């Protein structure tokens, strides 16, 4: 694992999550088979992540069945052919974390989570955030993932 001299490995892994364009959410279906889906994820602090979705669907059924989830992300992926070694390789930064997913019911927390998501993915359009929240807060599901252990990351520089 690559890490800066003064940073903890968990801090480096959290940076990978912050830079990744999306994360893969891994869940367990009610029939005990695996289910993975990409989500737009945002981090509130070292233990808390959020994503939003429609009010019904397979991922929500999975969370109700088993709220323990895994999230993984890749923030850099650069395939390369190393001529001198005659070798195909991939340079990457990746992270994985395990946590508990919960439905956010409090409107203030939902709004905060959606503000974080919008600020991360469309910061130039935050002027429209109040209008969007007024229109869609009641029909938007927000999920909080609270990490149960520090995230880990790997890199091939």
N, C-alpha and C. Protein backbone atom coordinates (compact mmCIF):
# COMPACT_ATOMS: atom_id res chain seq x y z
N UNK A 1 0.84 -1.17 0.00
CA UNK A 1 0.00 0.00 0.00
C UNK A 1 0.89 1.23 0.00
N UNK A 2 0.57 2.18 -0.86
CA UNK A 2 1.30 3.43 -0.88
C UNK A 2 0.70 4.37 0.13
N UNK A 3 1.54 5.02 0.89
CA UNK A 3 1.04 6.02 1.84
C UNK A 3 2.08 7.10 2.04
N UNK A 4 1.61 8.28 2.32
CA UNK A 4 2.52 9.37 2.62
C UNK A 4 3.08 9.15 4.02
N UNK A 5 4.25 9.70 4.26
CA UNK A 5 4.94 9.42 5.51
C UNK A 5 4.15 9.84 6.75
N UNK A 6 3.36 10.90 6.69
CA UNK A 6 2.65 11.38 7.87
C UNK A 6 1.18 10.98 7.90
N UNK A 7 0.72 10.32 6.89
CA UNK A 7 -0.70 9.96 6.83
C UNK A 7 -0.91 8.53 7.28
N UNK A 8 -2.05 8.30 7.90
CA UNK A 8 -2.44 6.94 8.26
C UNK A 8 -2.97 6.25 7.02
N UNK A 9 -2.82 4.93 6.91
CA UNK A 9 -3.34 4.22 5.75
C UNK A 9 -4.84 4.46 5.53
N UNK A 10 -5.61 4.57 6.60
CA UNK A 10 -7.05 4.84 6.45
C UNK A 10 -7.29 6.21 5.81
N UNK A 11 -6.48 7.19 6.16
CA UNK A 11 -6.63 8.53 5.58
C UNK A 11 -6.39 8.48 4.07
N UNK A 12 -5.38 7.72 3.66
CA UNK A 12 -5.09 7.59 2.24
C UNK A 12 -6.25 6.91 1.52
N UNK A 13 -6.81 5.86 2.12
CA UNK A 13 -7.94 5.15 1.52
C UNK A 13 -9.15 6.08 1.40
N UNK A 14 -9.39 6.91 2.40
CA UNK A 14 -10.51 7.86 2.34
C UNK A 14 -10.32 8.85 1.18
N UNK A 15 -9.09 9.24 0.92
CA UNK A 15 -8.82 10.12 -0.22
C UNK A 15 -9.16 9.44 -1.54
N UNK A 16 -8.92 8.14 -1.62
CA UNK A 16 -9.29 7.40 -2.83
C UNK A 16 -10.79 7.49 -3.03
N UNK A 17 -11.57 7.26 -1.97
CA UNK A 17 -13.03 7.39 -2.07
C UNK A 17 -13.42 8.79 -2.52
N UNK A 18 -12.76 9.81 -1.98
CA UNK A 18 -13.08 11.19 -2.32
C UNK A 18 -12.82 11.51 -3.78
N UNK A 19 -11.83 10.89 -4.37
CA UNK A 19 -11.44 11.18 -5.76
C UNK A 19 -12.13 10.29 -6.78
N UNK A 20 -12.64 9.15 -6.38
CA UNK A 20 -13.25 8.21 -7.32
C UNK A 20 -14.55 8.78 -7.89
N UNK A 21 -14.79 8.60 -9.18
CA UNK A 21 -16.02 9.12 -9.77
C UNK A 21 -17.28 8.39 -9.30
N UNK A 22 -17.14 7.18 -8.85
CA UNK A 22 -18.24 6.40 -8.28
C UNK A 22 -17.64 5.30 -7.44
N UNK A 23 -18.48 4.63 -6.67
CA UNK A 23 -18.05 3.49 -5.86
C UNK A 23 -18.96 2.32 -6.18
N UNK A 24 -18.47 1.13 -5.92
CA UNK A 24 -19.30 -0.05 -6.07
C UNK A 24 -19.79 -0.46 -4.69
N UNK A 25 -21.10 -0.57 -4.58
CA UNK A 25 -21.75 -0.99 -3.35
C UNK A 25 -22.04 -2.48 -3.48
N UNK A 26 -21.52 -3.27 -2.55
CA UNK A 26 -21.75 -4.72 -2.56
C UNK A 26 -22.67 -5.09 -1.42
N UNK A 27 -23.71 -5.85 -1.77
CA UNK A 27 -24.76 -6.22 -0.83
C UNK A 27 -25.06 -7.71 -0.96
N UNK A 28 -25.96 -8.17 -0.09
CA UNK A 28 -26.42 -9.56 -0.15
C UNK A 28 -27.93 -9.53 -0.41
N UNK A 29 -28.34 -10.27 -1.42
CA UNK A 29 -29.78 -10.39 -1.73
C UNK A 29 -30.46 -11.28 -0.70
N UNK A 30 -31.79 -11.17 -0.60
CA UNK A 30 -32.53 -12.04 0.33
C UNK A 30 -32.35 -13.55 0.05
N UNK A 31 -31.98 -13.91 -1.19
CA UNK A 31 -31.71 -15.33 -1.47
C UNK A 31 -30.25 -15.69 -1.21
N UNK A 32 -29.51 -14.77 -0.56
CA UNK A 32 -28.11 -14.95 -0.15
C UNK A 32 -27.11 -14.90 -1.30
N UNK A 33 -27.52 -14.45 -2.49
CA UNK A 33 -26.58 -14.26 -3.58
C UNK A 33 -26.03 -12.84 -3.53
N UNK A 34 -24.84 -12.62 -4.08
CA UNK A 34 -24.24 -11.28 -4.04
C UNK A 34 -24.90 -10.33 -5.04
N UNK A 35 -24.84 -9.05 -4.72
CA UNK A 35 -25.37 -8.01 -5.60
C UNK A 35 -24.46 -6.80 -5.48
N UNK A 36 -23.94 -6.33 -6.58
CA UNK A 36 -23.09 -5.14 -6.59
C UNK A 36 -23.62 -4.14 -7.58
N UNK A 37 -23.53 -2.87 -7.21
CA UNK A 37 -24.06 -1.81 -8.07
C UNK A 37 -23.24 -0.53 -7.87
N UNK A 38 -22.97 0.20 -8.95
CA UNK A 38 -22.27 1.48 -8.78
C UNK A 38 -23.19 2.53 -8.18
N UNK A 39 -22.64 3.35 -7.30
CA UNK A 39 -23.38 4.45 -6.69
C UNK A 39 -22.52 5.70 -6.66
N UNK A 40 -23.17 6.85 -6.69
CA UNK A 40 -22.49 8.12 -6.47
C UNK A 40 -22.42 8.31 -4.96
N UNK A 41 -21.23 8.32 -4.44
CA UNK A 41 -21.01 8.28 -3.00
C UNK A 41 -20.34 9.57 -2.57
N UNK A 42 -20.69 10.05 -1.38
CA UNK A 42 -20.02 11.20 -0.81
C UNK A 42 -19.70 10.89 0.65
N UNK A 43 -18.59 11.45 1.10
CA UNK A 43 -18.15 11.21 2.48
C UNK A 43 -18.40 12.45 3.31
N UNK A 44 -19.00 12.24 4.48
CA UNK A 44 -19.22 13.34 5.43
C UNK A 44 -18.02 13.51 6.35
N UNK A 45 -17.51 12.39 6.87
CA UNK A 45 -16.38 12.40 7.78
C UNK A 45 -15.67 11.05 7.65
N UNK A 46 -14.78 10.74 8.57
CA UNK A 46 -13.98 9.52 8.45
C UNK A 46 -14.80 8.23 8.57
N UNK A 47 -16.02 8.31 9.07
CA UNK A 47 -16.84 7.11 9.25
C UNK A 47 -18.14 7.09 8.45
N UNK A 48 -18.54 8.23 7.87
CA UNK A 48 -19.88 8.35 7.31
C UNK A 48 -19.88 8.67 5.82
N UNK A 49 -20.59 7.84 5.07
CA UNK A 49 -20.80 8.04 3.63
C UNK A 49 -22.30 8.11 3.37
N UNK A 50 -22.67 8.74 2.26
CA UNK A 50 -24.07 8.80 1.84
C UNK A 50 -24.18 8.51 0.34
N UNK A 51 -25.33 7.96 -0.04
CA UNK A 51 -25.75 7.95 -1.43
C UNK A 51 -27.26 8.11 -1.45
N UNK A 52 -27.79 8.44 -2.61
CA UNK A 52 -29.24 8.60 -2.73
C UNK A 52 -29.76 7.71 -3.85
N UNK A 53 -31.07 7.47 -3.81
CA UNK A 53 -31.67 6.61 -4.83
C UNK A 53 -33.18 6.79 -4.80
N UNK A 54 -33.85 6.08 -5.69
CA UNK A 54 -35.31 6.07 -5.70
C UNK A 54 -35.82 5.34 -4.46
N UNK A 55 -37.10 5.41 -4.24
CA UNK A 55 -37.69 4.85 -3.02
C UNK A 55 -37.96 3.36 -3.06
N UNK A 56 -37.65 2.71 -4.16
CA UNK A 56 -37.80 1.26 -4.22
C UNK A 56 -36.74 0.71 -5.15
N UNK A 57 -36.45 -0.56 -5.00
CA UNK A 57 -35.47 -1.20 -5.86
C UNK A 57 -34.71 -2.29 -5.13
N UNK A 58 -33.92 -3.02 -5.91
CA UNK A 58 -33.23 -4.18 -5.37
C UNK A 58 -32.22 -3.83 -4.28
N UNK A 59 -31.49 -2.73 -4.44
CA UNK A 59 -30.50 -2.40 -3.40
C UNK A 59 -31.17 -2.12 -2.06
N UNK A 60 -32.36 -1.51 -2.10
CA UNK A 60 -33.08 -1.25 -0.85
C UNK A 60 -33.59 -2.55 -0.23
N UNK A 61 -34.04 -3.48 -1.06
CA UNK A 61 -34.45 -4.80 -0.56
C UNK A 61 -33.27 -5.50 0.10
N UNK A 62 -32.10 -5.37 -0.52
CA UNK A 62 -30.89 -5.99 0.04
C UNK A 62 -30.52 -5.38 1.38
N UNK A 63 -30.60 -4.06 1.48
CA UNK A 63 -30.26 -3.38 2.75
C UNK A 63 -31.22 -3.80 3.85
N UNK A 64 -32.48 -3.93 3.52
CA UNK A 64 -33.46 -4.40 4.53
C UNK A 64 -33.14 -5.82 4.98
N UNK A 65 -32.66 -6.65 4.05
CA UNK A 65 -32.33 -8.04 4.37
C UNK A 65 -31.04 -8.13 5.19
N UNK A 66 -30.02 -7.42 4.75
CA UNK A 66 -28.71 -7.46 5.42
C UNK A 66 -28.05 -6.09 5.28
N UNK A 67 -28.04 -5.30 6.33
CA UNK A 67 -27.50 -3.94 6.22
C UNK A 67 -25.96 -3.85 6.20
N UNK A 68 -25.28 -4.96 6.37
CA UNK A 68 -23.81 -4.93 6.31
C UNK A 68 -23.41 -4.90 4.83
N UNK A 69 -22.63 -3.88 4.45
CA UNK A 69 -22.27 -3.66 3.06
C UNK A 69 -20.76 -3.44 2.93
N UNK A 70 -20.31 -3.56 1.72
CA UNK A 70 -18.94 -3.23 1.38
C UNK A 70 -18.98 -2.18 0.28
N UNK A 71 -18.08 -1.21 0.35
CA UNK A 71 -17.93 -0.25 -0.73
C UNK A 71 -16.49 -0.30 -1.22
N UNK A 72 -16.32 -0.18 -2.51
CA UNK A 72 -14.98 -0.17 -3.09
C UNK A 72 -14.93 0.91 -4.16
N UNK A 73 -13.73 1.44 -4.36
CA UNK A 73 -13.57 2.51 -5.35
C UNK A 73 -12.16 2.46 -5.94
N UNK A 74 -12.06 2.95 -7.15
CA UNK A 74 -10.78 3.09 -7.84
C UNK A 74 -10.70 4.54 -8.30
N UNK A 75 -9.67 5.25 -7.86
CA UNK A 75 -9.55 6.66 -8.23
C UNK A 75 -8.53 6.87 -9.35
N UNK A 76 -7.74 5.87 -9.64
CA UNK A 76 -6.77 5.97 -10.73
C UNK A 76 -6.57 4.59 -11.31
N UNK A 77 -6.58 4.51 -12.62
CA UNK A 77 -6.39 3.24 -13.31
C UNK A 77 -5.68 3.53 -14.62
N UNK A 78 -4.43 3.12 -14.71
CA UNK A 78 -3.62 3.41 -15.89
C UNK A 78 -2.93 2.15 -16.39
N UNK A 79 -3.50 1.50 -17.41
CA UNK A 79 -2.82 0.34 -17.97
C UNK A 79 -1.54 0.76 -18.69
N UNK A 80 -0.55 -0.10 -18.65
CA UNK A 80 0.72 0.25 -19.28
C UNK A 80 1.44 -1.02 -19.74
N UNK A 81 2.11 -0.89 -20.85
CA UNK A 81 3.02 -1.95 -21.29
C UNK A 81 4.43 -1.46 -20.97
N UNK A 82 5.12 -2.22 -20.11
CA UNK A 82 6.49 -1.86 -19.74
C UNK A 82 7.44 -2.52 -20.72
N UNK A 83 7.90 -1.73 -21.65
CA UNK A 83 8.72 -2.21 -22.75
C UNK A 83 9.96 -2.96 -22.25
N UNK A 84 10.65 -2.37 -21.27
CA UNK A 84 11.90 -2.96 -20.79
C UNK A 84 11.70 -4.34 -20.15
N UNK A 85 10.52 -4.60 -19.59
CA UNK A 85 10.23 -5.89 -18.96
C UNK A 85 9.37 -6.79 -19.84
N UNK A 86 8.91 -6.25 -20.97
CA UNK A 86 7.95 -6.95 -21.83
C UNK A 86 6.78 -7.44 -20.98
N UNK A 87 6.19 -6.47 -20.25
CA UNK A 87 5.21 -6.79 -19.22
C UNK A 87 3.98 -5.88 -19.35
N UNK A 88 2.80 -6.48 -19.28
CA UNK A 88 1.56 -5.73 -19.19
C UNK A 88 1.25 -5.51 -17.71
N UNK A 89 0.90 -4.29 -17.35
CA UNK A 89 0.58 -4.01 -15.95
C UNK A 89 -0.46 -2.91 -15.85
N UNK A 90 -0.86 -2.63 -14.65
CA UNK A 90 -1.86 -1.60 -14.39
C UNK A 90 -1.42 -0.83 -13.15
N UNK A 91 -1.40 0.48 -13.25
CA UNK A 91 -1.13 1.33 -12.11
C UNK A 91 -2.47 1.83 -11.58
N UNK A 92 -2.67 1.79 -10.26
CA UNK A 92 -3.98 2.07 -9.72
C UNK A 92 -3.89 2.58 -8.29
N UNK A 93 -4.99 3.22 -7.85
CA UNK A 93 -5.25 3.54 -6.45
C UNK A 93 -6.64 2.98 -6.17
N UNK A 94 -6.77 2.15 -5.15
CA UNK A 94 -8.07 1.58 -4.83
C UNK A 94 -8.27 1.55 -3.32
N UNK A 95 -9.54 1.46 -2.93
CA UNK A 95 -9.88 1.41 -1.51
C UNK A 95 -11.13 0.57 -1.33
N UNK A 96 -11.24 0.00 -0.13
CA UNK A 96 -12.42 -0.80 0.23
C UNK A 96 -12.74 -0.54 1.69
N UNK A 97 -14.04 -0.58 2.00
CA UNK A 97 -14.48 -0.37 3.38
C UNK A 97 -15.73 -1.21 3.64
N UNK A 98 -15.94 -1.52 4.90
CA UNK A 98 -17.11 -2.29 5.32
C UNK A 98 -17.88 -1.45 6.32
N UNK A 99 -19.20 -1.48 6.20
CA UNK A 99 -20.02 -0.69 7.11
C UNK A 99 -21.45 -1.18 7.16
N UNK A 100 -22.24 -0.39 7.84
CA UNK A 100 -23.67 -0.69 8.02
C UNK A 100 -24.47 0.39 7.30
N UNK A 101 -25.38 -0.04 6.44
CA UNK A 101 -26.24 0.88 5.70
C UNK A 101 -27.55 1.08 6.45
N UNK A 102 -27.99 2.33 6.52
CA UNK A 102 -29.24 2.65 7.21
C UNK A 102 -30.00 3.71 6.42
N UNK A 103 -31.30 3.62 6.45
CA UNK A 103 -32.15 4.62 5.81
C UNK A 103 -32.14 5.89 6.65
N UNK A 104 -31.92 7.03 6.02
CA UNK A 104 -31.96 8.30 6.72
C UNK A 104 -33.40 8.80 6.69
N UNK A 105 -33.99 8.97 7.86
CA UNK A 105 -35.39 9.40 7.97
C UNK A 105 -35.52 10.88 8.31
N UNK A 106 -34.53 11.45 8.99
CA UNK A 106 -34.57 12.83 9.42
C UNK A 106 -34.35 13.77 8.22
N UNK A 107 -35.28 14.69 7.98
CA UNK A 107 -35.19 15.58 6.82
C UNK A 107 -33.95 16.47 6.85
N UNK A 108 -33.53 16.90 8.03
CA UNK A 108 -32.34 17.75 8.12
C UNK A 108 -31.10 16.96 7.69
N UNK A 109 -30.97 15.72 8.15
CA UNK A 109 -29.83 14.90 7.73
C UNK A 109 -29.91 14.56 6.25
N UNK A 110 -31.11 14.25 5.75
CA UNK A 110 -31.27 13.99 4.31
C UNK A 110 -30.82 15.19 3.49
N UNK A 111 -31.23 16.37 3.92
CA UNK A 111 -30.87 17.60 3.20
C UNK A 111 -29.36 17.81 3.23
N UNK A 112 -28.76 17.58 4.40
CA UNK A 112 -27.30 17.72 4.51
C UNK A 112 -26.59 16.74 3.57
N UNK A 113 -27.04 15.50 3.55
CA UNK A 113 -26.43 14.48 2.68
C UNK A 113 -26.57 14.86 1.21
N UNK A 114 -27.76 15.32 0.83
CA UNK A 114 -27.97 15.71 -0.56
C UNK A 114 -27.16 16.96 -0.92
N UNK A 115 -26.99 17.85 0.03
CA UNK A 115 -26.14 19.03 -0.21
C UNK A 115 -24.69 18.59 -0.45
N UNK A 116 -24.22 17.64 0.35
CA UNK A 116 -22.86 17.13 0.16
C UNK A 116 -22.71 16.46 -1.21
N UNK A 117 -23.69 15.67 -1.59
CA UNK A 117 -23.65 15.01 -2.91
C UNK A 117 -23.64 16.03 -4.04
N UNK A 118 -24.54 16.99 -3.97
CA UNK A 118 -24.60 18.00 -5.04
C UNK A 118 -23.34 18.85 -5.08
N UNK A 119 -22.82 19.20 -3.91
CA UNK A 119 -21.58 19.99 -3.85
C UNK A 119 -20.42 19.23 -4.45
N UNK A 120 -20.40 17.92 -4.26
CA UNK A 120 -19.31 17.12 -4.81
C UNK A 120 -19.41 16.99 -6.32
N UNK A 121 -20.60 16.69 -6.82
CA UNK A 121 -20.73 16.34 -8.23
C UNK A 121 -21.15 17.49 -9.14
N UNK A 122 -21.84 18.50 -8.62
CA UNK A 122 -22.25 19.65 -9.44
C UNK A 122 -22.13 20.95 -8.64
N UNK A 123 -20.93 21.28 -8.18
CA UNK A 123 -20.77 22.47 -7.33
C UNK A 123 -21.20 23.77 -8.03
N UNK A 124 -21.09 23.83 -9.33
CA UNK A 124 -21.45 25.07 -10.03
C UNK A 124 -22.96 25.29 -10.10
N UNK A 125 -23.76 24.30 -9.70
CA UNK A 125 -25.22 24.43 -9.77
C UNK A 125 -25.88 24.50 -8.41
N UNK A 126 -25.11 24.78 -7.36
CA UNK A 126 -25.67 24.83 -6.01
C UNK A 126 -26.70 25.94 -5.84
N UNK A 127 -26.72 26.91 -6.73
CA UNK A 127 -27.74 27.95 -6.67
C UNK A 127 -29.15 27.38 -6.85
N UNK A 128 -29.26 26.21 -7.48
CA UNK A 128 -30.55 25.57 -7.73
C UNK A 128 -30.91 24.53 -6.66
N UNK A 129 -30.02 24.34 -5.71
CA UNK A 129 -30.23 23.30 -4.69
C UNK A 129 -31.51 23.52 -3.87
N UNK A 130 -31.79 24.71 -3.35
CA UNK A 130 -33.01 24.88 -2.54
C UNK A 130 -34.28 24.49 -3.32
N UNK A 131 -34.35 24.88 -4.56
CA UNK A 131 -35.51 24.56 -5.40
C UNK A 131 -35.64 23.04 -5.60
N UNK A 132 -34.52 22.38 -5.86
CA UNK A 132 -34.54 20.94 -6.08
C UNK A 132 -34.95 20.20 -4.81
N UNK A 133 -34.44 20.64 -3.67
CA UNK A 133 -34.79 20.00 -2.40
C UNK A 133 -36.28 20.18 -2.10
N UNK A 134 -36.80 21.36 -2.34
CA UNK A 134 -38.22 21.62 -2.09
C UNK A 134 -39.09 20.68 -2.93
N UNK A 135 -38.65 20.39 -4.14
CA UNK A 135 -39.42 19.56 -5.05
C UNK A 135 -39.27 18.06 -4.79
N UNK A 136 -38.09 17.62 -4.34
CA UNK A 136 -37.83 16.17 -4.36
C UNK A 136 -37.44 15.53 -3.03
N UNK A 137 -37.29 16.28 -1.98
CA UNK A 137 -36.84 15.69 -0.71
C UNK A 137 -37.74 14.54 -0.27
N UNK A 138 -39.03 14.73 -0.36
CA UNK A 138 -39.95 13.71 0.16
C UNK A 138 -39.97 12.42 -0.66
N UNK A 139 -39.48 12.47 -1.89
CA UNK A 139 -39.50 11.27 -2.74
C UNK A 139 -38.11 10.69 -2.98
N UNK A 140 -37.11 11.24 -2.29
CA UNK A 140 -35.73 10.77 -2.44
C UNK A 140 -35.33 9.96 -1.22
N UNK A 141 -34.75 8.81 -1.47
CA UNK A 141 -34.24 7.97 -0.39
C UNK A 141 -32.75 8.26 -0.22
N UNK A 142 -32.33 8.46 1.00
CA UNK A 142 -30.92 8.67 1.31
C UNK A 142 -30.49 7.55 2.24
N UNK A 143 -29.35 6.96 1.91
CA UNK A 143 -28.77 5.89 2.71
C UNK A 143 -27.47 6.38 3.32
N UNK A 144 -27.31 6.14 4.61
CA UNK A 144 -26.07 6.44 5.33
C UNK A 144 -25.32 5.13 5.51
N UNK A 145 -24.04 5.14 5.21
CA UNK A 145 -23.18 4.00 5.50
C UNK A 145 -22.20 4.44 6.57
N UNK A 146 -22.25 3.78 7.72
CA UNK A 146 -21.33 4.06 8.81
C UNK A 146 -20.30 2.95 8.84
N UNK A 147 -19.04 3.31 8.65
CA UNK A 147 -17.98 2.30 8.61
C UNK A 147 -17.86 1.60 9.95
N UNK A 148 -17.63 0.30 9.90
CA UNK A 148 -17.46 -0.49 11.12
C UNK A 148 -15.99 -0.79 11.41
N UNK A 149 -15.14 -0.44 10.47
CA UNK A 149 -13.69 -0.61 10.64
C UNK A 149 -13.01 0.38 9.69
N UNK A 150 -11.75 0.70 9.93
CA UNK A 150 -11.07 1.66 9.05
C UNK A 150 -10.99 1.12 7.62
N UNK A 151 -11.12 1.99 6.63
CA UNK A 151 -10.97 1.56 5.25
C UNK A 151 -9.51 1.21 4.96
N UNK A 152 -9.31 0.41 3.93
CA UNK A 152 -7.96 0.07 3.51
C UNK A 152 -7.81 0.42 2.03
N UNK A 153 -6.60 0.69 1.65
CA UNK A 153 -6.33 1.05 0.27
C UNK A 153 -5.08 0.37 -0.24
N UNK A 154 -5.01 0.28 -1.57
CA UNK A 154 -3.84 -0.28 -2.22
C UNK A 154 -3.51 0.58 -3.41
N UNK A 155 -2.26 0.55 -3.79
CA UNK A 155 -1.82 1.31 -4.95
C UNK A 155 -0.66 0.59 -5.61
N UNK A 156 -0.61 0.75 -6.91
CA UNK A 156 0.59 0.41 -7.65
C UNK A 156 1.00 1.70 -8.32
N UNK A 157 2.02 2.38 -7.75
CA UNK A 157 2.39 3.72 -8.23
C UNK A 157 2.96 3.76 -9.63
